[in-house]
Amino acid sequence: MKRVNGRALTGALVGSFVVLLFTLGVLYSQGHTRIEQNADQIRKLNTALAALCIQRTDLDNHIESTNQLLRATRGDATVFGIPRIVIIESQRQNLILRRSLEILQCAREGS
């Protein structure tokens, strides 16, 4: 049976341990960088969601005020000089857009 040199074995173990620590450090660094990138992406997506939710609320208000205007001017061919059909078509487009924005999961006001 061949005798193992203690110093050589210790050196090999220490070397292996250093390589292991270096590898773990690299993996941690890559993981941490990825976590930071994901957090940044989540912040950007939340900002975009908030902006779209504000637009949706504004669109809801616009749709309601247009409905009130159309009811108040029922029978008129024009509203403030704008042909009624143009306002109706614009309202139709707003309703299509509003249905598209329905998929957003916006926080309710006051919560």
N, C-alpha and C. Protein backbone atom coordinates (compact mmCIF):
# COMPACT_ATOMS: atom_id res chain seq x y z
N MET A 1 0.84 -1.17 0.00
CA MET A 1 0.00 0.00 0.00
C MET A 1 0.89 1.24 0.00
N LYS A 2 0.55 2.17 -0.87
CA LYS A 2 1.35 3.38 -1.02
C LYS A 2 0.97 4.37 0.06
N ARG A 3 1.97 4.98 0.64
CA ARG A 3 1.76 5.94 1.70
C ARG A 3 1.46 7.32 1.10
N VAL A 4 0.42 8.01 1.64
CA VAL A 4 0.00 9.31 1.14
C VAL A 4 0.72 10.39 1.94
N ASN A 5 1.26 11.34 1.21
CA ASN A 5 1.93 12.47 1.84
C ASN A 5 0.87 13.38 2.44
N GLY A 6 0.95 13.64 3.74
CA GLY A 6 -0.04 14.46 4.44
C GLY A 6 -0.11 15.88 3.93
N ARG A 7 1.05 16.44 3.62
CA ARG A 7 1.08 17.81 3.14
C ARG A 7 0.44 17.91 1.75
N ALA A 8 0.70 16.96 0.93
CA ALA A 8 0.13 16.97 -0.42
C ALA A 8 -1.39 16.83 -0.34
N LEU A 9 -1.86 15.95 0.56
CA LEU A 9 -3.31 15.77 0.73
C LEU A 9 -3.95 17.04 1.26
N THR A 10 -3.31 17.66 2.25
CA THR A 10 -3.82 18.91 2.82
C THR A 10 -3.85 20.00 1.74
N GLY A 11 -2.80 20.09 0.95
CA GLY A 11 -2.74 21.08 -0.13
C GLY A 11 -3.84 20.85 -1.15
N ALA A 12 -4.08 19.59 -1.47
CA ALA A 12 -5.13 19.27 -2.44
C ALA A 12 -6.50 19.62 -1.88
N LEU A 13 -6.71 19.32 -0.61
CA LEU A 13 -8.00 19.65 0.02
C LEU A 13 -8.21 21.16 0.10
N VAL A 14 -7.17 21.88 0.49
CA VAL A 14 -7.27 23.35 0.56
C VAL A 14 -7.53 23.91 -0.84
N GLY A 15 -6.84 23.41 -1.83
CA GLY A 15 -7.04 23.87 -3.21
C GLY A 15 -8.46 23.60 -3.68
N SER A 16 -8.96 22.41 -3.38
CA SER A 16 -10.33 22.06 -3.75
C SER A 16 -11.33 22.97 -3.04
N PHE A 17 -11.05 23.24 -1.77
CA PHE A 17 -11.94 24.12 -1.00
C PHE A 17 -11.95 25.54 -1.58
N VAL A 18 -10.77 26.03 -1.97
CA VAL A 18 -10.68 27.37 -2.57
C VAL A 18 -11.46 27.40 -3.89
N VAL A 19 -11.32 26.38 -4.70
CA VAL A 19 -12.06 26.31 -5.97
C VAL A 19 -13.56 26.27 -5.70
N LEU A 20 -13.95 25.50 -4.70
CA LEU A 20 -15.37 25.41 -4.33
C LEU A 20 -15.89 26.77 -3.88
N LEU A 21 -15.15 27.46 -3.03
CA LEU A 21 -15.57 28.79 -2.56
C LEU A 21 -15.65 29.77 -3.72
N PHE A 22 -14.68 29.73 -4.62
CA PHE A 22 -14.70 30.62 -5.77
C PHE A 22 -15.93 30.34 -6.64
N THR A 23 -16.21 29.07 -6.89
CA THR A 23 -17.37 28.69 -7.69
C THR A 23 -18.66 29.15 -7.04
N LEU A 24 -18.77 28.93 -5.72
CA LEU A 24 -19.96 29.39 -5.00
C LEU A 24 -20.10 30.91 -5.06
N GLY A 25 -18.98 31.62 -4.95
CA GLY A 25 -19.00 33.08 -5.06
C GLY A 25 -19.49 33.55 -6.41
N VAL A 26 -19.01 32.88 -7.46
CA VAL A 26 -19.44 33.24 -8.82
C VAL A 26 -20.93 32.96 -8.98
N LEU A 27 -21.38 31.79 -8.52
CA LEU A 27 -22.80 31.45 -8.63
C LEU A 27 -23.67 32.42 -7.84
N TYR A 28 -23.22 32.79 -6.63
CA TYR A 28 -23.97 33.75 -5.82
C TYR A 28 -24.05 35.09 -6.53
N SER A 29 -22.92 35.52 -7.08
CA SER A 29 -22.87 36.81 -7.77
C SER A 29 -23.82 36.82 -8.97
N GLN A 30 -23.81 35.73 -9.74
CA GLN A 30 -24.70 35.66 -10.90
C GLN A 30 -26.16 35.62 -10.45
N GLY A 31 -26.43 34.87 -9.40
CA GLY A 31 -27.80 34.79 -8.88
C GLY A 31 -28.26 36.12 -8.35
N HIS A 32 -27.38 36.81 -7.62
CA HIS A 32 -27.73 38.11 -7.04
C HIS A 32 -27.98 39.13 -8.15
N THR A 33 -27.14 39.10 -9.19
CA THR A 33 -27.32 40.00 -10.33
C THR A 33 -28.66 39.72 -11.01
N ARG A 34 -28.99 38.45 -11.15
CA ARG A 34 -30.26 38.07 -11.79
C ARG A 34 -31.45 38.54 -10.95
N ILE A 35 -31.33 38.41 -9.63
CA ILE A 35 -32.40 38.88 -8.73
C ILE A 35 -32.57 40.38 -8.88
N GLU A 36 -31.46 41.11 -8.95
CA GLU A 36 -31.55 42.57 -9.11
C GLU A 36 -32.18 42.93 -10.46
N GLN A 37 -31.83 42.19 -11.51
CA GLN A 37 -32.42 42.44 -12.83
C GLN A 37 -33.92 42.16 -12.80
N ASN A 38 -34.30 41.08 -12.16
CA ASN A 38 -35.73 40.75 -12.05
C ASN A 38 -36.47 41.81 -11.26
N ALA A 39 -35.88 42.28 -10.16
CA ALA A 39 -36.52 43.32 -9.35
C ALA A 39 -36.69 44.60 -10.16
N ASP A 40 -35.67 44.94 -10.95
CA ASP A 40 -35.75 46.14 -11.80
C ASP A 40 -36.85 45.97 -12.84
N GLN A 41 -36.95 44.79 -13.43
CA GLN A 41 -37.99 44.52 -14.43
C GLN A 41 -39.38 44.60 -13.79
N ILE A 42 -39.52 44.09 -12.58
CA ILE A 42 -40.80 44.15 -11.87
C ILE A 42 -41.18 45.60 -11.59
N ARG A 43 -40.21 46.42 -11.17
CA ARG A 43 -40.49 47.85 -10.94
C ARG A 43 -40.98 48.52 -12.23
N LYS A 44 -40.33 48.21 -13.34
CA LYS A 44 -40.73 48.81 -14.62
C LYS A 44 -42.13 48.36 -15.02
N LEU A 45 -42.42 47.08 -14.84
CA LEU A 45 -43.75 46.57 -15.19
C LEU A 45 -44.83 47.17 -14.30
N ASN A 46 -44.53 47.33 -13.01
CA ASN A 46 -45.50 47.95 -12.10
C ASN A 46 -45.75 49.41 -12.48
N THR A 47 -44.71 50.10 -12.90
CA THR A 47 -44.88 51.49 -13.34
C THR A 47 -45.75 51.55 -14.60
N ALA A 48 -45.50 50.64 -15.53
CA ALA A 48 -46.32 50.60 -16.76
C ALA A 48 -47.77 50.26 -16.42
N LEU A 49 -47.97 49.32 -15.51
CA LEU A 49 -49.33 48.95 -15.10
C LEU A 49 -50.04 50.14 -14.47
N ALA A 50 -49.35 50.85 -13.58
CA ALA A 50 -49.96 52.01 -12.93
C ALA A 50 -50.35 53.07 -13.97
N ALA A 51 -49.48 53.29 -14.96
CA ALA A 51 -49.78 54.28 -16.00
C ALA A 51 -51.00 53.85 -16.82
N LEU A 52 -51.06 52.58 -17.17
CA LEU A 52 -52.21 52.09 -17.94
C LEU A 52 -53.50 52.15 -17.12
N CYS A 53 -53.40 51.89 -15.82
CA CYS A 53 -54.59 51.96 -14.97
C CYS A 53 -55.09 53.40 -14.87
N ILE A 54 -54.18 54.35 -14.81
CA ILE A 54 -54.57 55.76 -14.79
C ILE A 54 -55.26 56.12 -16.10
N GLN A 55 -54.69 55.64 -17.22
CA GLN A 55 -55.31 55.89 -18.52
C GLN A 55 -56.70 55.28 -18.59
N ARG A 56 -56.86 54.09 -18.03
CA ARG A 56 -58.17 53.42 -18.05
C ARG A 56 -59.19 54.21 -17.25
N THR A 57 -58.79 54.71 -16.09
CA THR A 57 -59.69 55.53 -15.27
C THR A 57 -60.08 56.80 -16.01
N ASP A 58 -59.10 57.43 -16.64
CA ASP A 58 -59.38 58.64 -17.42
C ASP A 58 -60.33 58.32 -18.57
N LEU A 59 -60.13 57.19 -19.21
CA LEU A 59 -61.00 56.78 -20.30
C LEU A 59 -62.42 56.54 -19.80
N ASP A 60 -62.55 55.91 -18.63
CA ASP A 60 -63.88 55.70 -18.03
C ASP A 60 -64.60 57.04 -17.84
N ASN A 61 -63.87 58.03 -17.31
CA ASN A 61 -64.45 59.35 -17.10
C ASN A 61 -64.85 60.01 -18.42
N HIS A 62 -63.99 59.85 -19.42
CA HIS A 62 -64.28 60.44 -20.74
C HIS A 62 -65.52 59.79 -21.37
N ILE A 63 -65.61 58.47 -21.26
CA ILE A 63 -66.77 57.75 -21.81
C ILE A 63 -68.05 58.23 -21.13
N GLU A 64 -68.02 58.36 -19.82
CA GLU A 64 -69.20 58.80 -19.08
C GLU A 64 -69.59 60.23 -19.46
N SER A 65 -68.61 61.12 -19.53
CA SER A 65 -68.94 62.52 -19.87
C SER A 65 -69.46 62.62 -21.31
N THR A 66 -68.93 61.80 -22.21
CA THR A 66 -69.44 61.80 -23.59
C THR A 66 -70.87 61.29 -23.63
N ASN A 67 -71.15 60.25 -22.86
CA ASN A 67 -72.54 59.75 -22.78
C ASN A 67 -73.48 60.84 -22.28
N GLN A 68 -73.07 61.57 -21.26
CA GLN A 68 -73.90 62.66 -20.72
C GLN A 68 -74.11 63.74 -21.77
N LEU A 69 -73.05 64.07 -22.49
CA LEU A 69 -73.15 65.09 -23.53
C LEU A 69 -74.10 64.65 -24.64
N LEU A 70 -73.98 63.40 -25.06
CA LEU A 70 -74.86 62.90 -26.12
C LEU A 70 -76.32 62.87 -25.66
N ARG A 71 -76.55 62.53 -24.39
CA ARG A 71 -77.93 62.55 -23.88
C ARG A 71 -78.47 63.97 -23.81
N ALA A 72 -77.62 64.90 -23.39
CA ALA A 72 -78.07 66.29 -23.23
C ALA A 72 -78.34 66.97 -24.57
N THR A 73 -77.70 66.49 -25.62
CA THR A 73 -77.88 67.13 -26.94
C THR A 73 -78.62 66.20 -27.90
N ARG A 74 -79.42 65.32 -27.36
CA ARG A 74 -80.18 64.36 -28.19
C ARG A 74 -81.00 65.13 -29.23
N GLY A 75 -80.92 64.64 -30.45
CA GLY A 75 -81.69 65.26 -31.52
C GLY A 75 -80.91 66.31 -32.29
N ASP A 76 -79.82 66.80 -31.75
CA ASP A 76 -79.01 67.80 -32.47
C ASP A 76 -78.11 67.10 -33.49
N ALA A 77 -77.99 67.70 -34.66
CA ALA A 77 -77.13 67.13 -35.71
C ALA A 77 -75.65 67.35 -35.41
N THR A 78 -75.37 68.43 -34.70
CA THR A 78 -73.98 68.72 -34.31
C THR A 78 -73.92 69.04 -32.82
N VAL A 79 -72.76 68.83 -32.26
CA VAL A 79 -72.52 69.17 -30.85
C VAL A 79 -71.27 70.04 -30.84
N PHE A 80 -71.45 71.29 -30.45
CA PHE A 80 -70.36 72.27 -30.48
C PHE A 80 -69.71 72.33 -31.86
N GLY A 81 -70.52 72.19 -32.88
CA GLY A 81 -70.03 72.27 -34.26
C GLY A 81 -69.45 70.96 -34.79
N ILE A 82 -69.43 69.95 -33.98
CA ILE A 82 -68.89 68.64 -34.41
C ILE A 82 -70.08 67.75 -34.79
N PRO A 83 -70.03 67.15 -35.98
CA PRO A 83 -71.14 66.26 -36.36
C PRO A 83 -71.32 65.16 -35.31
N ARG A 84 -72.55 64.94 -34.94
CA ARG A 84 -72.88 63.94 -33.92
C ARG A 84 -72.31 62.56 -34.26
N ILE A 85 -72.32 62.19 -35.52
CA ILE A 85 -71.82 60.88 -35.94
C ILE A 85 -70.32 60.74 -35.64
N VAL A 86 -69.58 61.84 -35.72
CA VAL A 86 -68.14 61.80 -35.40
C VAL A 86 -67.95 61.50 -33.91
N ILE A 87 -68.75 62.11 -33.06
CA ILE A 87 -68.66 61.88 -31.62
C ILE A 87 -69.07 60.44 -31.29
N ILE A 88 -70.10 59.97 -31.96
CA ILE A 88 -70.58 58.59 -31.72
C ILE A 88 -69.51 57.58 -32.14
N GLU A 89 -68.86 57.83 -33.27
CA GLU A 89 -67.80 56.92 -33.73
C GLU A 89 -66.61 56.95 -32.78
N SER A 90 -66.26 58.13 -32.31
CA SER A 90 -65.17 58.25 -31.33
C SER A 90 -65.52 57.50 -30.05
N GLN A 91 -66.76 57.60 -29.63
CA GLN A 91 -67.21 56.90 -28.43
C GLN A 91 -67.14 55.38 -28.64
N ARG A 92 -67.49 54.93 -29.83
CA ARG A 92 -67.42 53.50 -30.15
C ARG A 92 -65.97 53.01 -30.05
N GLN A 93 -65.04 53.79 -30.57
CA GLN A 93 -63.60 53.44 -30.49
C GLN A 93 -63.12 53.43 -29.03
N ASN A 94 -63.61 54.39 -28.25
CA ASN A 94 -63.24 54.43 -26.83
C ASN A 94 -63.74 53.19 -26.09
N LEU A 95 -64.93 52.74 -26.43
CA LEU A 95 -65.48 51.54 -25.79
C LEU A 95 -64.69 50.29 -26.17
N ILE A 96 -64.23 50.22 -27.42
CA ILE A 96 -63.39 49.09 -27.84
C ILE A 96 -62.08 49.10 -27.06
N LEU A 97 -61.47 50.28 -26.95
CA LEU A 97 -60.23 50.41 -26.18
C LEU A 97 -60.46 50.04 -24.72
N ARG A 98 -61.56 50.48 -24.17
CA ARG A 98 -61.86 50.18 -22.76
C ARG A 98 -61.99 48.68 -22.53
N ARG A 99 -62.63 48.00 -23.47
CA ARG A 99 -62.74 46.53 -23.34
C ARG A 99 -61.35 45.89 -23.39
N SER A 100 -60.47 46.43 -24.20
CA SER A 100 -59.10 45.90 -24.29
C SER A 100 -58.35 46.09 -22.97
N LEU A 101 -58.62 47.18 -22.29
CA LEU A 101 -57.92 47.47 -21.03
C LEU A 101 -58.53 46.72 -19.85
N GLU A 102 -59.59 45.99 -20.08
CA GLU A 102 -60.27 45.25 -19.01
C GLU A 102 -59.36 44.20 -18.38
N ILE A 103 -58.37 43.70 -19.11
CA ILE A 103 -57.50 42.64 -18.59
C ILE A 103 -56.56 43.13 -17.50
N LEU A 104 -56.39 44.45 -17.39
CA LEU A 104 -55.49 44.99 -16.37
C LEU A 104 -56.03 44.73 -14.98
N GLN A 105 -55.15 44.35 -14.09
CA GLN A 105 -55.55 44.15 -12.69
C GLN A 105 -55.10 45.38 -11.91
N CYS A 106 -55.95 46.38 -11.96
CA CYS A 106 -55.65 47.64 -11.30
C CYS A 106 -56.14 47.61 -9.84
N ALA A 107 -55.36 48.29 -8.98
CA ALA A 107 -55.80 48.44 -7.61
C ALA A 107 -57.03 49.34 -7.60
N ARG A 108 -57.96 49.01 -6.75
CA ARG A 108 -59.17 49.84 -6.65
C ARG A 108 -58.83 51.13 -5.93
N GLU A 109 -59.53 52.21 -6.32
CA GLU A 109 -59.32 53.49 -5.64
C GLU A 109 -59.68 53.36 -4.17
N GLY A 110 -58.84 53.97 -3.34
CA GLY A 110 -59.12 53.97 -1.91
C GLY A 110 -58.62 52.73 -1.20
N SER A 111 -57.96 51.80 -1.95
CA SER A 111 -57.43 50.61 -1.27
C SER A 111 -55.93 50.58 -1.30
